[in-house]
Each structure stands twice: as C-alpha cells, then as structure tokens.
Amino acid sequence: MEISFSILGSASGVASVERNDSGYILECEGKTALFDCGGGVRSAFLRRGYEPGLLDAVFISHMHPDHISDLPLFIQMLYHSDRIEPLNIYLPDEAVRPVKKYLHSCYLLDEKMPFKFNLKPILKAVRIFDKKAKVTPYANQHLATPDNIDIIEASYYPNKMQCYSFLIQINDKRLFYSADIAALEEIENYLDDLDLLVIETTHVDFRRLPAIIRAKRIKKTLLTHIGDDMLESIHQFADSKAAEYGLIAGGDNLTIKV
C-alpha cells in the first residue's frame, strides 16, 4: 500500500512571496485527504493534478486564517468540478456554526451544491479511505495564550481556543501532523515509533527534535510552517541532521513517501 504526504503550503502565516500558507495532502491508493487549507492551497491542489472527486475528507486544525482561509474557494472548486460524492469537513467544534454561516454568506448554499458537504466537529477518531485509515485528534494549547485568554474573558467572546494535532494510522504505518502547538511537550506522548512526524517550526524549539527523534524511534521528521526569515537556518539544521535523524526541511510541492 503506497502512502505519501505532500506539502501544498509550508509558510509560517507571515505573508510569503514564494510559498503558500498551511496545507497538506495525505494520499493512499489514489484517494486523498486534506489537512488545513490556508491561502494558496486551492491552486496548489490543482497544480499537483489531484482529482477533486477523489478527495475523501478535510481536516482543519484551528481557525487561524493561514489554516482555513482558502476553504470557501476550495469548496467552490469542488462545485465546479461536478463532484457529487458527499464530503466530510472536520473542524473545531467552536467553528462549525460560524463557518457554515460564512459559507452561506458566500452563496455556497446547500440547495445549489451538487454534493453535500458536512461540517463536523472534531470530537473523536474517524475513519477515512474506506475505513483503511484512522485519524485521531489530540487537543493542544496553541491558541490558549495569556493574551488570548485575557481578551476572550474580558470581552466575553465565544472563542474556545480549540486547536488539534492529528495521529494518522494506516495498517502498520503511523504519521503525526502537529499543526501549530505551544510546546513539544504537548505531543511527546503520541510520537512513539512514527514513520513520519510533520512538525511546525514557528512556535517550538525545533533544535530539541534530534533527542526526541532518537528517544521515540521516529523514522522521518518533516519540518514545515517555516518563516522566510528562518528558511536558511532550518535548511542548514535539517541538512546537518538528515543522515543521523531523518530530518527533512519542507517546502511547497515536496512529497514524502511513507
């Protein structure tokens, strides 16, 4: 069974001239799943030649714009592709109602769509790819910053600061997509014997990774969510550790076979 993980967007959230915002494709036996859908992801999906009708599910880790801003355009693309199969879109519970209202305000109306898109809250593990793959969400603390907490509590915003990482299991293969996290300690318990770790570099001390890779017996680690100002140093770091630790500096259009 051939499994691959591809980067549609590797930027940090700070606008980049050369790279797209966060978006990743998991592919297994021709079917695909999309993890996050930031700016530029729709075009990258098309440039890579992925078939819209074979997209099995979408997972949105959290509501920062660089992880979801292309979702309306992505749904519009599926509409124009004459897709008829239903599509499940998993996103934080706090986002289900407002995103549905936003999509309706964009005239992506249920009655006009040739396929049904179901916005579902991330609550528990789900099966995709005809139940061959299991995707398990793990809540993290990326959004629970002191500033966010103070503002939300003081102004009574409804935000719940929900953000998720994902463990993906396909037969004996194990992949983990961190999305944005507050600290490496949040996810360390889920990293044992991974075939691929996809880890963001903007919010964590990525120089601690070699020790974690060795302790957890991780085969390959893909560094992504990289700011333009950090590109050179992260590539140098990954290159210096590649042979011993399987570190790979990510970039748009890069595909890793698992």
C-alpha atoms as a PDB file:
ATOM      1  CA  MET A   1       0.000   0.000   0.000  1.00  0.00           C
ATOM      2  CA  GLU A   2       1.628   3.256  -1.152  1.00  0.00           C
ATOM      3  CA  ILE A   3       1.216   6.214   1.203  1.00  0.00           C
ATOM      4  CA  SER A   4       2.541   9.721   0.657  1.00  0.00           C
ATOM      5  CA  PHE A   5       2.363  13.076   2.407  1.00  0.00           C
ATOM      6  CA  SER A   6       2.704  16.248   0.327  1.00  0.00           C
ATOM      7  CA  ILE A   7       3.111  19.903   1.246  1.00  0.00           C
ATOM      8  CA  LEU A   8       0.819  22.330  -0.572  1.00  0.00           C
ATOM      9  CA  GLY A   9       1.896  25.210   1.653  1.00  0.00           C
ATOM     10  CA  SER A  10       4.826  25.457   4.062  1.00  0.00           C
ATOM     11  CA  ALA A  11       4.842  29.134   5.101  1.00  0.00           C
ATOM     12  CA  SER A  12       4.559  30.313   8.692  1.00  0.00           C
ATOM     13  CA  GLY A  13       1.499  32.536   8.457  1.00  0.00           C
ATOM     14  CA  VAL A  14       3.578  35.632   7.781  1.00  0.00           C
ATOM     15  CA  ALA A  15       2.943  36.515   4.141  1.00  0.00           C
ATOM     16  CA  SER A  16       5.438  34.898   1.790  1.00  0.00           C
ATOM     17  CA  VAL A  17       6.004  35.808  -1.851  1.00  0.00           C
ATOM     18  CA  GLU A  18       7.214  32.334  -2.786  1.00  0.00           C
ATOM     19  CA  ARG A  19       5.206  29.952  -0.584  1.00  0.00           C
ATOM     20  CA  ASN A  20       1.604  29.184   0.338  1.00  0.00           C
ATOM     21  CA  ASP A  21       0.051  29.003   3.774  1.00  0.00           C
ATOM     22  CA  SER A  22      -0.539  25.696   5.550  1.00  0.00           C
ATOM     23  CA  GLY A  23      -1.978  22.814   3.549  1.00  0.00           C
ATOM     24  CA  TYR A  24      -1.051  19.144   3.267  1.00  0.00           C
ATOM     25  CA  ILE A  25      -2.271  16.156   1.277  1.00  0.00           C
ATOM     26  CA  LEU A  26      -2.278  12.595   2.586  1.00  0.00           C
ATOM     27  CA  GLU A  27      -2.594  10.139  -0.303  1.00  0.00           C
ATOM     28  CA  CYS A  28      -3.308   6.422  -0.137  1.00  0.00           C
ATOM     29  CA  GLU A  29      -4.193   4.221  -3.105  1.00  0.00           C
ATOM     30  CA  GLY A  30      -5.347   7.198  -5.177  1.00  0.00           C
ATOM     31  CA  LYS A  31      -7.598   8.748  -2.516  1.00  0.00           C
ATOM     32  CA  THR A  32      -6.629  11.929  -0.714  1.00  0.00           C
ATOM     33  CA  ALA A  33      -7.311  13.821   2.499  1.00  0.00           C
ATOM     34  CA  LEU A  34      -6.536  17.497   3.022  1.00  0.00           C
ATOM     35  CA  PHE A  35      -5.099  18.767   6.301  1.00  0.00           C
ATOM     36  CA  ASP A  36      -5.570  22.528   6.659  1.00  0.00           C
ATOM     37  CA  CYS A  37      -6.496  24.886   3.859  1.00  0.00           C
ATOM     38  CA  GLY A  38      -4.637  28.186   4.053  1.00  0.00           C
ATOM     39  CA  GLY A  39      -4.067  30.767   1.358  1.00  0.00           C
ATOM     40  CA  GLY A  40      -2.929  29.349  -1.993  1.00  0.00           C
ATOM     41  CA  VAL A  41      -3.863  25.744  -1.200  1.00  0.00           C
ATOM     42  CA  ARG A  42      -6.608  25.502  -3.818  1.00  0.00           C
ATOM     43  CA  SER A  43      -4.256  26.477  -6.639  1.00  0.00           C
ATOM     44  CA  ALA A  44      -1.524  24.181  -5.313  1.00  0.00           C
ATOM     45  CA  PHE A  45      -4.008  21.295  -5.218  1.00  0.00           C
ATOM     46  CA  LEU A  46      -4.839  21.840  -8.879  1.00  0.00           C
ATOM     47  CA  ARG A  47      -1.213  22.317  -9.941  1.00  0.00           C
ATOM     48  CA  ARG A  48      -0.339  18.989  -8.372  1.00  0.00           C
ATOM     49  CA  GLY A  49      -3.019  17.327 -10.502  1.00  0.00           C
ATOM     50  CA  TYR A  50      -5.084  15.912  -7.655  1.00  0.00           C
ATOM     51  CA  GLU A  51      -8.563  14.767  -8.644  1.00  0.00           C
ATOM     52  CA  PRO A  52     -11.282  16.698  -6.741  1.00  0.00           C
ATOM     53  CA  GLY A  53     -13.608  13.710  -6.920  1.00  0.00           C
ATOM     54  CA  LEU A  54     -11.115  11.530  -5.038  1.00  0.00           C
ATOM     55  CA  LEU A  55     -10.818  13.856  -2.034  1.00  0.00           C
ATOM     56  CA  ASP A  56     -12.093  11.796   0.900  1.00  0.00           C
ATOM     57  CA  ALA A  57     -12.048  14.280   3.801  1.00  0.00           C
ATOM     58  CA  VAL A  58     -10.803  17.668   5.001  1.00  0.00           C
ATOM     59  CA  PHE A  59      -9.351  18.349   8.460  1.00  0.00           C
ATOM     60  CA  ILE A  60      -8.924  21.892   9.799  1.00  0.00           C
ATOM     61  CA  SER A  61      -6.674  22.063  12.859  1.00  0.00           C
ATOM     62  CA  HIS A  62      -7.717  25.515  14.086  1.00  0.00           C
ATOM     63  CA  MET A  63      -9.203  28.795  12.969  1.00  0.00           C
ATOM     64  CA  HIS A  64      -6.184  30.973  12.287  1.00  0.00           C
ATOM     65  CA  PRO A  65      -6.614  32.354   8.747  1.00  0.00           C
ATOM     66  CA  ASP A  66      -3.413  30.759   7.449  1.00  0.00           C
ATOM     67  CA  HIS A  67      -5.011  27.361   8.130  1.00  0.00           C
ATOM     68  CA  ILE A  68      -8.536  27.896   6.782  1.00  0.00           C
ATOM     69  CA  SER A  69      -8.737  30.979   4.536  1.00  0.00           C
ATOM     70  CA  ASP A  70      -8.922  29.008   1.254  1.00  0.00           C
ATOM     71  CA  LEU A  71     -11.749  26.721   2.397  1.00  0.00           C
ATOM     72  CA  PRO A  72     -14.565  28.653   0.604  1.00  0.00           C
ATOM     73  CA  LEU A  73     -12.505  28.702  -2.603  1.00  0.00           C
ATOM     74  CA  PHE A  74     -11.754  25.009  -2.196  1.00  0.00           C
ATOM     75  CA  ILE A  75     -15.457  24.171  -1.872  1.00  0.00           C
ATOM     76  CA  GLN A  76     -16.200  26.369  -4.885  1.00  0.00           C
ATOM     77  CA  MET A  77     -13.563  24.425  -6.850  1.00  0.00           C
ATOM     78  CA  LEU A  78     -15.288  21.157  -5.921  1.00  0.00           C
ATOM     79  CA  TYR A  79     -18.590  22.658  -7.080  1.00  0.00           C
ATOM     80  CA  HIS A  80     -17.120  23.494 -10.489  1.00  0.00           C
ATOM     81  CA  SER A  81     -15.566  20.039 -10.751  1.00  0.00           C
ATOM     82  CA  ASP A  82     -19.058  18.472 -10.787  1.00  0.00           C
ATOM     83  CA  ARG A  83     -18.342  16.448  -7.700  1.00  0.00           C
ATOM     84  CA  ILE A  84     -21.377  14.516  -6.477  1.00  0.00           C
ATOM     85  CA  GLU A  85     -19.942  12.481  -3.585  1.00  0.00           C
ATOM     86  CA  PRO A  86     -20.548  13.913  -0.082  1.00  0.00           C
ATOM     87  CA  LEU A  87     -17.545  15.429   1.681  1.00  0.00           C
ATOM     88  CA  ASN A  88     -16.890  15.494   5.421  1.00  0.00           C
ATOM     89  CA  ILE A  89     -15.029  18.559   6.673  1.00  0.00           C
ATOM     90  CA  TYR A  90     -13.792  18.181  10.252  1.00  0.00           C
ATOM     91  CA  LEU A  91     -13.043  21.341  12.199  1.00  0.00           C
ATOM     92  CA  PRO A  92     -13.076  22.591  15.786  1.00  0.00           C
ATOM     93  CA  ASP A  93     -16.489  22.472  17.418  1.00  0.00           C
ATOM     94  CA  GLU A  94     -16.413  26.226  18.062  1.00  0.00           C
ATOM     95  CA  ALA A  95     -16.160  26.823  14.296  1.00  0.00           C
ATOM     96  CA  VAL A  96     -18.948  24.633  12.903  1.00  0.00           C
ATOM     97  CA  ARG A  97     -21.825  27.115  13.117  1.00  0.00           C
ATOM     98  CA  PRO A  98     -19.951  30.319  12.206  1.00  0.00           C
ATOM     99  CA  VAL A  99     -18.173  28.658   9.268  1.00  0.00           C
ATOM    100  CA  LYS A 100     -21.456  27.269   7.977  1.00  0.00           C
ATOM    101  CA  LYS A 101     -22.986  30.761   8.157  1.00  0.00           C
ATOM    102  CA  TYR A 102     -19.946  32.257   6.444  1.00  0.00           C
ATOM    103  CA  LEU A 103     -20.125  29.731   3.602  1.00  0.00           C
ATOM    104  CA  HIS A 104     -23.829  30.515   3.136  1.00  0.00           C
ATOM    105  CA  SER A 105     -22.982  34.228   3.087  1.00  0.00           C
ATOM    106  CA  CYS A 106     -20.577  33.403   0.238  1.00  0.00           C
ATOM    107  CA  TYR A 107     -23.546  31.854  -1.623  1.00  0.00           C
ATOM    108  CA  LEU A 108     -22.233  28.345  -1.192  1.00  0.00           C
ATOM    109  CA  LEU A 109     -25.798  27.344  -0.457  1.00  0.00           C
ATOM    110  CA  ASP A 110     -26.722  23.751   0.327  1.00  0.00           C
ATOM    111  CA  GLU A 111     -29.512  23.797  -2.236  1.00  0.00           C
ATOM    112  CA  LYS A 112     -27.142  24.853  -5.041  1.00  0.00           C
ATOM    113  CA  MET A 113     -24.411  22.325  -4.354  1.00  0.00           C
ATOM    114  CA  PRO A 114     -24.237  19.143  -6.462  1.00  0.00           C
ATOM    115  CA  PHE A 115     -22.699  17.399  -3.462  1.00  0.00           C
ATOM    116  CA  LYS A 116     -23.320  17.594   0.258  1.00  0.00           C
ATOM    117  CA  PHE A 117     -20.542  18.989   2.410  1.00  0.00           C
ATOM    118  CA  ASN A 118     -20.869  18.092   6.063  1.00  0.00           C
ATOM    119  CA  LEU A 119     -19.183  20.321   8.635  1.00  0.00           C
ATOM    120  CA  LYS A 120     -18.425  18.058  11.566  1.00  0.00           C
ATOM    121  CA  PRO A 121     -16.870  18.917  14.933  1.00  0.00           C
ATOM    122  CA  ILE A 122     -13.566  17.306  15.804  1.00  0.00           C
ATOM    123  CA  LEU A 123     -14.558  15.117  18.727  1.00  0.00           C
ATOM    124  CA  LYS A 124     -13.008  11.686  18.325  1.00  0.00           C
ATOM    125  CA  ALA A 125     -11.150   9.412  15.927  1.00  0.00           C
ATOM    126  CA  VAL A 126     -12.659   8.982  12.454  1.00  0.00           C
ATOM    127  CA  ARG A 127     -12.082   6.508   9.650  1.00  0.00           C
ATOM    128  CA  ILE A 128     -11.277   7.595   6.087  1.00  0.00           C
ATOM    129  CA  PHE A 129     -10.165   5.894   2.866  1.00  0.00           C
ATOM    130  CA  ASP A 130     -12.889   3.228   3.096  1.00  0.00           C
ATOM    131  CA  LYS A 131     -12.002   2.775   6.779  1.00  0.00           C
ATOM    132  CA  LYS A 132      -8.395   1.836   5.954  1.00  0.00           C
ATOM    133  CA  ALA A 133      -7.061   4.902   7.781  1.00  0.00           C
ATOM    134  CA  LYS A 134      -7.778   6.145  11.295  1.00  0.00           C
ATOM    135  CA  VAL A 135      -7.326   9.827  12.153  1.00  0.00           C
ATOM    136  CA  THR A 136      -7.223  10.631  15.869  1.00  0.00           C
ATOM    137  CA  PRO A 137      -7.298  14.274  17.041  1.00  0.00           C
ATOM    138  CA  TYR A 138      -5.384  15.489  20.075  1.00  0.00           C
ATOM    139  CA  ALA A 139      -6.163  18.899  21.536  1.00  0.00           C
ATOM    140  CA  ASN A 140      -3.215  21.237  22.032  1.00  0.00           C
ATOM    141  CA  GLN A 141      -2.660  24.639  23.634  1.00  0.00           C
ATOM    142  CA  HIS A 142      -1.535  26.691  20.637  1.00  0.00           C
ATOM    143  CA  LEU A 143      -4.371  29.210  20.963  1.00  0.00           C
ATOM    144  CA  ALA A 144      -4.503  29.316  24.761  1.00  0.00           C
ATOM    145  CA  THR A 145      -2.013  32.147  25.106  1.00  0.00           C
ATOM    146  CA  PRO A 146      -2.278  34.536  28.074  1.00  0.00           C
ATOM    147  CA  ASP A 147      -3.210  37.402  25.730  1.00  0.00           C
ATOM    148  CA  ASN A 148      -5.989  35.388  24.090  1.00  0.00           C
ATOM    149  CA  ILE A 149      -7.326  34.215  27.433  1.00  0.00           C
ATOM    150  CA  ASP A 150      -7.385  37.724  28.893  1.00  0.00           C
ATOM    151  CA  ILE A 151      -9.120  39.281  25.874  1.00  0.00           C
ATOM    152  CA  ILE A 152     -11.677  36.474  25.481  1.00  0.00           C
ATOM    153  CA  GLU A 153     -12.598  36.508  29.164  1.00  0.00           C
ATOM    154  CA  ALA A 154     -12.725  40.305  29.421  1.00  0.00           C
ATOM    155  CA  SER A 155     -14.831  40.782  26.282  1.00  0.00           C
ATOM    156  CA  TYR A 156     -16.954  37.605  26.597  1.00  0.00           C
ATOM    157  CA  TYR A 157     -16.015  36.294  23.171  1.00  0.00           C
ATOM    158  CA  PRO A 158     -17.403  32.812  22.457  1.00  0.00           C
ATOM    159  CA  ASN A 159     -13.997  31.506  21.323  1.00  0.00           C
ATOM    160  CA  LYS A 160     -12.914  28.244  22.970  1.00  0.00           C
ATOM    161  CA  MET A 161      -9.311  28.360  21.740  1.00  0.00           C
ATOM    162  CA  GLN A 162      -9.568  24.894  20.177  1.00  0.00           C
ATOM    163  CA  CYS A 163      -6.610  23.565  18.205  1.00  0.00           C
ATOM    164  CA  TYR A 164      -5.739  19.982  17.254  1.00  0.00           C
ATOM    165  CA  SER A 165      -2.877  17.767  16.190  1.00  0.00           C
ATOM    166  CA  PHE A 166      -3.596  14.513  14.337  1.00  0.00           C
ATOM    167  CA  LEU A 167      -2.291  10.959  14.579  1.00  0.00           C
ATOM    168  CA  ILE A 168      -2.856   9.023  11.344  1.00  0.00           C
ATOM    169  CA  GLN A 169      -2.702   5.223  11.306  1.00  0.00           C
ATOM    170  CA  ILE A 170      -2.861   3.186   8.098  1.00  0.00           C
ATOM    171  CA  ASN A 171      -2.212  -0.515   8.639  1.00  0.00           C
ATOM    172  CA  ASP A 172       1.180  -0.589  10.368  1.00  0.00           C
ATOM    173  CA  LYS A 173       2.118   2.970   9.332  1.00  0.00           C
ATOM    174  CA  ARG A 174       1.935   5.852  11.822  1.00  0.00           C
ATOM    175  CA  LEU A 175       2.063   9.538  10.877  1.00  0.00           C
ATOM    176  CA  PHE A 176       1.629  12.568  13.112  1.00  0.00           C
ATOM    177  CA  TYR A 177       0.773  16.100  11.958  1.00  0.00           C
ATOM    178  CA  SER A 178       1.403  18.541  14.786  1.00  0.00           C
ATOM    179  CA  ALA A 179      -0.313  21.574  13.228  1.00  0.00           C
ATOM    180  CA  ASP A 180       0.571  24.591  15.396  1.00  0.00           C
ATOM    181  CA  ILE A 181       1.416  23.771  19.002  1.00  0.00           C
ATOM    182  CA  ALA A 182       2.544  25.728  22.028  1.00  0.00           C
ATOM    183  CA  ALA A 183       5.327  23.338  23.075  1.00  0.00           C
ATOM    184  CA  LEU A 184       6.789  19.997  22.071  1.00  0.00           C
ATOM    185  CA  GLU A 185       5.811  18.546  25.454  1.00  0.00           C
ATOM    186  CA  GLU A 186       2.155  18.630  24.376  1.00  0.00           C
ATOM    187  CA  ILE A 187       2.631  15.929  21.760  1.00  0.00           C
ATOM    188  CA  GLU A 188       5.567  13.835  23.002  1.00  0.00           C
ATOM    189  CA  ASN A 189       3.303  11.069  24.343  1.00  0.00           C
ATOM    190  CA  TYR A 190       1.949  10.367  20.834  1.00  0.00           C
ATOM    191  CA  LEU A 191       5.209  10.101  18.887  1.00  0.00           C
ATOM    192  CA  ASP A 192       6.416   6.566  19.596  1.00  0.00           C
ATOM    193  CA  ASP A 193       7.592   4.600  16.547  1.00  0.00           C
ATOM    194  CA  LEU A 194       6.310   7.072  13.969  1.00  0.00           C
ATOM    195  CA  ASP A 195       7.053   6.533  10.304  1.00  0.00           C
ATOM    196  CA  LEU A 196       6.646  10.273   9.717  1.00  0.00           C
ATOM    197  CA  LEU A 197       6.408  13.274  12.031  1.00  0.00           C
ATOM    198  CA  VAL A 198       5.267  16.528  10.384  1.00  0.00           C
ATOM    199  CA  ILE A 199       6.214  19.278  12.805  1.00  0.00           C
ATOM    200  CA  GLU A 200       5.778  23.030  12.698  1.00  0.00           C
ATOM    201  CA  THR A 201       8.848  25.144  13.482  1.00  0.00           C
ATOM    202  CA  THR A 202       7.426  28.604  14.171  1.00  0.00           C
ATOM    203  CA  HIS A 203       6.258  28.137  17.758  1.00  0.00           C
ATOM    204  CA  VAL A 204       8.575  25.455  19.179  1.00  0.00           C
ATOM    205  CA  ASP A 205      12.268  24.880  19.826  1.00  0.00           C
ATOM    206  CA  PHE A 206      12.981  22.674  16.810  1.00  0.00           C
ATOM    207  CA  ARG A 207      16.586  22.175  17.934  1.00  0.00           C
ATOM    208  CA  ARG A 208      15.269  19.788  20.596  1.00  0.00           C
ATOM    209  CA  LEU A 209      13.963  17.427  17.925  1.00  0.00           C
ATOM    210  CA  PRO A 210      17.002  15.155  17.485  1.00  0.00           C
ATOM    211  CA  ALA A 211      16.769  13.989  21.108  1.00  0.00           C
ATOM    212  CA  ILE A 212      13.033  13.350  20.741  1.00  0.00           C
ATOM    213  CA  ILE A 213      13.518  11.549  17.433  1.00  0.00           C
ATOM    214  CA  ARG A 214      16.058   9.215  18.986  1.00  0.00           C
ATOM    215  CA  ALA A 215      14.011   8.558  22.136  1.00  0.00           C
ATOM    216  CA  LYS A 216      10.784   7.959  20.222  1.00  0.00           C
ATOM    217  CA  ARG A 217      12.355   5.996  17.340  1.00  0.00           C
ATOM    218  CA  ILE A 218      10.905   8.278  14.637  1.00  0.00           C
ATOM    219  CA  LYS A 219      11.950   7.308  11.109  1.00  0.00           C
ATOM    220  CA  LYS A 220      11.428  10.614   9.262  1.00  0.00           C
ATOM    221  CA  THR A 221      10.689  14.131  10.502  1.00  0.00           C
ATOM    222  CA  LEU A 222       9.442  16.822   8.144  1.00  0.00           C
ATOM    223  CA  LEU A 223       9.976  20.434   9.246  1.00  0.00           C
ATOM    224  CA  THR A 224       7.350  22.877   7.999  1.00  0.00           C
ATOM    225  CA  HIS A 225       5.415  26.075   8.850  1.00  0.00           C
ATOM    226  CA  ILE A 226       8.657  27.971   8.301  1.00  0.00           C
ATOM    227  CA  GLY A 227       9.027  31.742   8.182  1.00  0.00           C
ATOM    228  CA  ASP A 228      11.023  33.243   5.327  1.00  0.00           C
ATOM    229  CA  ASP A 229      13.457  34.635   7.890  1.00  0.00           C
ATOM    230  CA  MET A 230      14.154  31.107   9.173  1.00  0.00           C
ATOM    231  CA  LEU A 231      14.399  29.246   5.860  1.00  0.00           C
ATOM    232  CA  GLU A 232      18.178  29.239   5.598  1.00  0.00           C
ATOM    233  CA  SER A 233      18.864  28.273   9.204  1.00  0.00           C
ATOM    234  CA  ILE A 234      16.256  25.497   9.235  1.00  0.00           C
ATOM    235  CA  HIS A 235      17.552  24.029   5.985  1.00  0.00           C
ATOM    236  CA  GLN A 236      21.093  24.092   7.371  1.00  0.00           C
ATOM    237  CA  PHE A 237      19.916  22.443  10.586  1.00  0.00           C
ATOM    238  CA  ALA A 238      17.980  19.721   8.735  1.00  0.00           C
ATOM    239  CA  ASP A 239      20.842  19.047   6.332  1.00  0.00           C
ATOM    240  CA  SER A 240      23.286  18.650   9.215  1.00  0.00           C
ATOM    241  CA  LYS A 241      20.997  16.126  10.951  1.00  0.00           C
ATOM    242  CA  ALA A 242      19.482  14.365   7.941  1.00  0.00           C
ATOM    243  CA  ALA A 243      21.700  11.296   7.815  1.00  0.00           C
ATOM    244  CA  GLU A 244      21.537  10.504  11.521  1.00  0.00           C
ATOM    245  CA  TYR A 245      18.000  11.628  12.394  1.00  0.00           C
ATOM    246  CA  GLY A 246      15.995  11.591   9.157  1.00  0.00           C
ATOM    247  CA  LEU A 247      15.291  15.313   9.305  1.00  0.00           C
ATOM    248  CA  ILE A 248      13.869  16.954   6.172  1.00  0.00           C
ATOM    249  CA  ALA A 249      13.314  20.692   5.662  1.00  0.00           C
ATOM    250  CA  GLY A 250       9.934  21.078   3.992  1.00  0.00           C
ATOM    251  CA  GLY A 251       8.928  23.295   1.103  1.00  0.00           C
ATOM    252  CA  ASP A 252       5.924  23.715  -1.152  1.00  0.00           C
ATOM    253  CA  ASN A 253       5.360  20.754  -3.516  1.00  0.00           C
ATOM    254  CA  LEU A 254       7.589  18.400  -1.541  1.00  0.00           C
ATOM    255  CA  THR A 255       6.278  14.813  -1.274  1.00  0.00           C
ATOM    256  CA  ILE A 256       7.445  12.256   1.280  1.00  0.00           C
ATOM    257  CA  LYS A 257       6.791   8.562   0.700  1.00  0.00           C
ATOM    258  CA  VAL A 258       5.843   6.698   3.853  1.00  0.00           C
END
